[in-house]
């Protein structure tokens, strides 16, 4: 199965930048359960957001499982948030939330959105 992700940066210095990721390109880790991508400031992360100093080295994970995207905070200092009808919902550490394509979510001070093809 082919796994791809188009992720739009919606705020900050890189506002409007589209990130294209693919399992076949070596991005993320695939398993029988799905495809997982790491988000953080370190070069070793799949989604590197180095210009936001409020993002932890390993801030969050974004996982495709059973056709749904799941966002999980990885004990970040400044939080991982999902937009729920205009209200920011902060995720507790190691807690997952479904993120729909087009729905905004925030890591550190950077808002992101999964794009549909």
N, C-alpha and C. Protein backbone atom coordinates (compact mmCIF):
# COMPACT_ATOMS: atom_id res chain seq x y z
N UNK A 1 0.83 -1.18 0.00
CA UNK A 1 0.00 0.00 0.00
C UNK A 1 0.88 1.25 0.00
N UNK A 2 0.50 2.24 -0.78
CA UNK A 2 1.23 3.49 -0.87
C UNK A 2 0.73 4.46 0.19
N UNK A 3 1.65 5.02 0.96
CA UNK A 3 1.30 6.00 1.98
C UNK A 3 1.92 7.33 1.60
N UNK A 4 1.09 8.37 1.49
CA UNK A 4 1.58 9.71 1.22
C UNK A 4 0.84 10.70 2.11
N UNK A 5 1.47 11.85 2.33
CA UNK A 5 0.87 12.91 3.13
C UNK A 5 1.29 14.26 2.56
N UNK A 6 0.32 15.14 2.36
CA UNK A 6 0.57 16.53 2.01
C UNK A 6 0.17 17.35 3.23
N UNK A 7 1.13 18.09 3.78
CA UNK A 7 0.92 18.83 5.01
C UNK A 7 1.26 20.30 4.76
N UNK A 8 0.28 21.18 4.96
CA UNK A 8 0.46 22.62 4.74
C UNK A 8 0.78 23.31 6.06
N UNK A 9 1.86 24.11 6.04
CA UNK A 9 2.18 24.96 7.19
C UNK A 9 1.30 26.20 7.07
N UNK A 10 0.54 26.49 8.12
CA UNK A 10 -0.48 27.54 8.06
C UNK A 10 -0.11 28.80 8.83
N UNK A 11 1.08 28.83 9.46
CA UNK A 11 1.47 30.02 10.22
C UNK A 11 2.98 30.09 10.34
N UNK A 12 3.45 31.25 10.78
CA UNK A 12 4.88 31.40 11.04
C UNK A 12 5.69 31.75 9.82
N UNK A 13 7.00 31.62 9.97
CA UNK A 13 7.96 31.99 8.92
C UNK A 13 7.73 31.18 7.66
N UNK A 14 7.32 29.94 7.80
CA UNK A 14 7.15 29.06 6.64
C UNK A 14 5.69 28.96 6.20
N UNK A 15 4.87 29.93 6.56
CA UNK A 15 3.45 29.95 6.20
C UNK A 15 3.29 29.71 4.70
N UNK A 16 2.42 28.76 4.36
CA UNK A 16 2.16 28.45 2.96
C UNK A 16 3.04 27.36 2.37
N UNK A 17 4.02 26.90 3.12
CA UNK A 17 4.90 25.84 2.62
C UNK A 17 4.18 24.50 2.68
N UNK A 18 4.23 23.75 1.58
CA UNK A 18 3.61 22.44 1.50
C UNK A 18 4.68 21.37 1.65
N UNK A 19 4.49 20.51 2.63
CA UNK A 19 5.41 19.39 2.85
C UNK A 19 4.80 18.15 2.22
N UNK A 20 5.57 17.47 1.39
CA UNK A 20 5.12 16.23 0.73
C UNK A 20 5.93 15.09 1.30
N UNK A 21 5.26 14.13 1.90
CA UNK A 21 5.94 12.99 2.52
C UNK A 21 5.41 11.69 1.94
N UNK A 22 6.26 10.68 1.90
CA UNK A 22 5.85 9.39 1.38
C UNK A 22 6.63 8.25 2.00
N UNK A 23 5.94 7.18 2.32
CA UNK A 23 6.61 6.01 2.90
C UNK A 23 7.64 5.45 1.92
N UNK A 24 7.31 5.47 0.63
CA UNK A 24 8.21 4.93 -0.38
C UNK A 24 9.47 5.79 -0.54
N UNK A 25 9.41 7.04 -0.08
CA UNK A 25 10.57 7.94 -0.12
C UNK A 25 11.43 7.80 1.14
N UNK A 26 11.00 6.92 2.04
CA UNK A 26 11.75 6.71 3.27
C UNK A 26 11.28 7.54 4.44
N UNK A 27 10.17 8.27 4.27
CA UNK A 27 9.64 9.07 5.36
C UNK A 27 8.82 8.20 6.31
N UNK A 28 9.03 8.39 7.60
CA UNK A 28 8.25 7.69 8.60
C UNK A 28 8.61 6.23 8.72
N UNK A 29 7.77 5.54 9.49
CA UNK A 29 7.95 4.11 9.72
C UNK A 29 6.63 3.40 9.46
N UNK A 30 6.69 2.35 8.65
CA UNK A 30 5.49 1.57 8.37
C UNK A 30 5.50 0.31 9.22
N UNK A 31 4.31 -0.13 9.57
CA UNK A 31 4.13 -1.37 10.32
C UNK A 31 2.82 -1.99 9.89
N UNK A 32 2.48 -3.12 10.45
CA UNK A 32 1.21 -3.76 10.13
C UNK A 32 0.04 -2.88 10.55
N UNK A 33 0.25 -2.02 11.55
CA UNK A 33 -0.81 -1.13 12.05
C UNK A 33 -0.99 0.13 11.23
N UNK A 34 0.04 0.57 10.49
CA UNK A 34 -0.09 1.80 9.71
C UNK A 34 1.23 2.45 9.40
N UNK A 35 1.21 3.77 9.36
CA UNK A 35 2.37 4.58 8.98
C UNK A 35 2.50 5.71 9.99
N UNK A 36 3.67 5.84 10.62
CA UNK A 36 3.88 6.84 11.66
C UNK A 36 4.97 7.83 11.26
N UNK A 37 4.72 9.11 11.52
CA UNK A 37 5.65 10.19 11.24
C UNK A 37 5.93 10.96 12.53
N UNK A 38 7.19 11.32 12.74
CA UNK A 38 7.55 12.10 13.91
C UNK A 38 7.60 13.58 13.54
N UNK A 39 7.24 14.43 14.51
CA UNK A 39 7.26 15.89 14.33
C UNK A 39 8.16 16.48 15.40
N UNK A 40 9.09 17.36 15.00
CA UNK A 40 9.96 18.00 15.98
C UNK A 40 10.99 18.89 15.31
N UNK A 41 11.94 19.38 16.15
CA UNK A 41 12.99 20.28 15.65
C UNK A 41 14.25 19.55 15.20
N UNK A 42 14.46 18.33 15.67
CA UNK A 42 15.69 17.60 15.32
C UNK A 42 15.69 17.16 13.86
N UNK A 43 16.88 17.10 13.27
CA UNK A 43 17.01 16.65 11.88
C UNK A 43 16.50 15.23 11.69
N UNK A 44 16.53 14.42 12.73
CA UNK A 44 16.11 13.02 12.63
C UNK A 44 14.59 12.87 12.55
N UNK A 45 13.82 13.93 12.70
CA UNK A 45 12.36 13.86 12.64
C UNK A 45 11.90 13.85 11.19
N UNK A 46 10.76 13.22 10.94
CA UNK A 46 10.21 13.16 9.59
C UNK A 46 9.68 14.52 9.16
N UNK A 47 8.99 15.21 10.07
CA UNK A 47 8.47 16.54 9.82
C UNK A 47 9.27 17.49 10.71
N UNK A 48 10.24 18.18 10.09
CA UNK A 48 11.16 19.05 10.84
C UNK A 48 10.70 20.50 10.75
N UNK A 49 10.44 21.08 11.91
CA UNK A 49 10.00 22.47 11.99
C UNK A 49 11.02 23.23 12.83
N UNK A 50 12.16 23.47 12.23
CA UNK A 50 13.31 24.02 12.96
C UNK A 50 13.19 25.51 13.26
N UNK A 51 12.31 26.22 12.58
CA UNK A 51 12.21 27.67 12.77
C UNK A 51 11.31 28.06 13.94
N UNK A 52 10.58 27.11 14.53
CA UNK A 52 9.71 27.37 15.68
C UNK A 52 10.42 26.87 16.93
N UNK A 53 10.92 27.79 17.74
CA UNK A 53 11.68 27.42 18.95
C UNK A 53 10.77 26.91 20.06
N UNK A 54 9.45 26.94 19.88
CA UNK A 54 8.51 26.41 20.86
C UNK A 54 8.20 24.94 20.60
N UNK A 55 8.81 24.37 19.57
CA UNK A 55 8.63 22.95 19.26
C UNK A 55 9.76 22.16 19.89
N UNK A 56 9.39 21.08 20.56
CA UNK A 56 10.37 20.20 21.21
C UNK A 56 11.14 19.40 20.18
N UNK A 57 12.26 18.83 20.62
CA UNK A 57 13.07 18.01 19.70
C UNK A 57 12.23 16.88 19.11
N UNK A 58 11.47 16.19 19.95
CA UNK A 58 10.47 15.22 19.49
C UNK A 58 9.16 15.66 20.12
N UNK A 59 8.36 16.34 19.35
CA UNK A 59 7.17 17.01 19.86
C UNK A 59 5.92 16.14 19.80
N UNK A 60 5.68 15.52 18.64
CA UNK A 60 4.44 14.77 18.45
C UNK A 60 4.65 13.70 17.38
N UNK A 61 3.67 12.82 17.28
CA UNK A 61 3.63 11.81 16.22
C UNK A 61 2.32 11.97 15.48
N UNK A 62 2.35 11.74 14.18
CA UNK A 62 1.17 11.72 13.33
C UNK A 62 1.13 10.34 12.69
N UNK A 63 0.05 9.60 12.95
CA UNK A 63 -0.02 8.21 12.51
C UNK A 63 -1.27 7.97 11.66
N UNK A 64 -1.08 7.31 10.53
CA UNK A 64 -2.19 6.89 9.68
C UNK A 64 -2.51 5.45 10.06
N UNK A 65 -3.73 5.27 10.58
CA UNK A 65 -4.15 3.94 11.03
C UNK A 65 -5.62 3.76 10.67
N UNK A 66 -5.93 2.69 9.96
CA UNK A 66 -7.30 2.38 9.54
C UNK A 66 -7.95 3.54 8.79
N UNK A 67 -7.15 4.23 7.94
CA UNK A 67 -7.68 5.30 7.12
C UNK A 67 -7.88 6.62 7.84
N UNK A 68 -7.49 6.71 9.11
CA UNK A 68 -7.63 7.93 9.91
C UNK A 68 -6.26 8.43 10.34
N UNK A 69 -6.10 9.76 10.41
CA UNK A 69 -4.88 10.35 10.95
C UNK A 69 -5.06 10.58 12.45
N UNK A 70 -4.09 10.15 13.23
CA UNK A 70 -4.09 10.30 14.68
C UNK A 70 -2.89 11.14 15.08
N UNK A 71 -3.13 12.16 15.91
CA UNK A 71 -2.07 13.03 16.41
C UNK A 71 -1.85 12.70 17.88
N UNK A 72 -0.58 12.57 18.28
CA UNK A 72 -0.23 12.22 19.66
C UNK A 72 0.88 13.13 20.16
N UNK A 73 0.66 13.76 21.30
CA UNK A 73 1.70 14.58 21.94
C UNK A 73 2.72 13.66 22.60
N UNK A 74 3.99 13.95 22.46
CA UNK A 74 5.07 13.13 23.01
C UNK A 74 5.78 13.86 24.16
N UNK A 75 5.00 14.30 25.14
CA UNK A 75 5.53 14.99 26.33
C UNK A 75 6.20 16.31 25.96
N UNK A 76 5.62 17.03 25.01
CA UNK A 76 6.19 18.31 24.61
C UNK A 76 6.01 19.35 25.71
N UNK A 77 6.91 20.29 25.73
CA UNK A 77 6.85 21.35 26.75
C UNK A 77 5.73 22.37 26.46
N UNK A 78 5.55 22.72 25.18
CA UNK A 78 4.62 23.79 24.83
C UNK A 78 3.32 23.32 24.21
N UNK A 79 3.10 22.03 24.19
CA UNK A 79 1.80 21.50 23.84
C UNK A 79 1.54 21.19 22.38
N UNK A 80 0.55 20.32 22.21
CA UNK A 80 0.02 19.92 20.92
C UNK A 80 -1.48 20.16 21.00
N UNK A 81 -2.04 20.83 19.99
CA UNK A 81 -3.43 21.27 20.05
C UNK A 81 -4.16 20.88 18.77
N UNK A 82 -5.46 20.60 18.92
CA UNK A 82 -6.32 20.31 17.78
C UNK A 82 -7.46 21.32 17.81
N UNK A 83 -7.77 21.90 16.63
CA UNK A 83 -8.89 22.84 16.54
C UNK A 83 -10.19 22.06 16.52
N UNK A 84 -11.05 22.35 17.49
CA UNK A 84 -12.38 21.73 17.58
C UNK A 84 -13.42 22.84 17.50
N UNK A 85 -13.92 23.10 16.30
CA UNK A 85 -14.95 24.14 16.09
C UNK A 85 -14.51 25.50 16.61
N UNK A 86 -13.27 25.88 16.29
CA UNK A 86 -12.76 27.19 16.68
C UNK A 86 -12.15 27.25 18.07
N UNK A 87 -12.19 26.17 18.81
CA UNK A 87 -11.60 26.10 20.15
C UNK A 87 -10.38 25.18 20.11
N UNK A 88 -9.30 25.62 20.76
CA UNK A 88 -8.10 24.80 20.82
C UNK A 88 -8.23 23.77 21.94
N UNK A 89 -8.06 22.50 21.57
CA UNK A 89 -8.07 21.43 22.57
C UNK A 89 -6.65 20.93 22.73
N UNK A 90 -6.09 21.07 23.93
CA UNK A 90 -4.73 20.61 24.18
C UNK A 90 -4.75 19.12 24.47
N UNK A 91 -3.84 18.40 23.83
CA UNK A 91 -3.73 16.97 24.08
C UNK A 91 -2.81 16.72 25.27
N UNK A 92 -3.23 15.85 26.15
CA UNK A 92 -2.36 15.42 27.24
C UNK A 92 -1.27 14.54 26.65
N UNK A 93 -0.15 14.43 27.34
CA UNK A 93 0.97 13.60 26.85
C UNK A 93 0.49 12.18 26.61
N UNK A 94 0.92 11.64 25.47
CA UNK A 94 0.60 10.28 25.04
C UNK A 94 -0.88 10.06 24.75
N UNK A 95 -1.65 11.15 24.61
CA UNK A 95 -3.05 11.06 24.25
C UNK A 95 -3.19 11.32 22.76
N UNK A 96 -4.05 10.55 22.10
CA UNK A 96 -4.26 10.69 20.66
C UNK A 96 -5.59 11.36 20.37
N UNK A 97 -5.63 12.07 19.26
CA UNK A 97 -6.87 12.65 18.74
C UNK A 97 -6.88 12.47 17.24
N UNK A 98 -8.05 12.22 16.69
CA UNK A 98 -8.20 12.12 15.23
C UNK A 98 -8.09 13.52 14.64
N UNK A 99 -7.34 13.63 13.54
CA UNK A 99 -7.23 14.88 12.79
C UNK A 99 -7.73 14.60 11.37
N UNK A 100 -8.79 15.29 11.00
CA UNK A 100 -9.38 15.13 9.67
C UNK A 100 -8.62 16.00 8.66
N UNK A 101 -8.55 15.59 7.40
CA UNK A 101 -8.00 16.47 6.38
C UNK A 101 -8.73 17.81 6.39
N UNK A 102 -7.98 18.91 6.35
CA UNK A 102 -8.56 20.24 6.39
C UNK A 102 -8.68 20.82 7.79
N UNK A 103 -8.60 19.98 8.81
CA UNK A 103 -8.69 20.43 10.20
C UNK A 103 -7.33 20.96 10.66
N UNK A 104 -7.32 22.08 11.35
CA UNK A 104 -6.08 22.66 11.84
C UNK A 104 -5.62 21.97 13.12
N UNK A 105 -4.29 21.86 13.24
CA UNK A 105 -3.70 21.42 14.51
C UNK A 105 -2.41 22.20 14.70
N UNK A 106 -1.98 22.30 15.96
CA UNK A 106 -0.82 23.14 16.28
C UNK A 106 0.17 22.38 17.12
N UNK A 107 1.45 22.53 16.75
CA UNK A 107 2.57 22.06 17.56
C UNK A 107 3.43 23.29 17.84
N UNK A 108 3.77 23.51 19.11
CA UNK A 108 4.46 24.75 19.46
C UNK A 108 3.61 25.93 19.05
N UNK A 109 4.15 26.80 18.20
CA UNK A 109 3.38 27.94 17.69
C UNK A 109 2.99 27.78 16.23
N UNK A 110 3.24 26.62 15.65
CA UNK A 110 3.00 26.40 14.23
C UNK A 110 1.69 25.65 13.99
N UNK A 111 0.80 26.27 13.21
CA UNK A 111 -0.44 25.63 12.79
C UNK A 111 -0.19 24.86 11.50
N UNK A 112 -0.78 23.67 11.41
CA UNK A 112 -0.63 22.79 10.25
C UNK A 112 -2.00 22.28 9.82
N UNK A 113 -2.06 21.79 8.58
CA UNK A 113 -3.31 21.22 8.05
C UNK A 113 -2.96 20.11 7.08
N UNK A 114 -3.64 18.98 7.22
CA UNK A 114 -3.49 17.88 6.26
C UNK A 114 -4.31 18.26 5.02
N UNK A 115 -3.65 18.23 3.87
CA UNK A 115 -4.29 18.57 2.61
C UNK A 115 -4.87 17.32 1.96
N UNK A 116 -5.99 17.49 1.28
CA UNK A 116 -6.55 16.39 0.51
C UNK A 116 -6.07 16.49 -0.92
N UNK A 117 -6.00 15.39 -1.58
CA UNK A 117 -5.52 15.35 -2.98
C UNK A 117 -6.71 15.36 -3.92
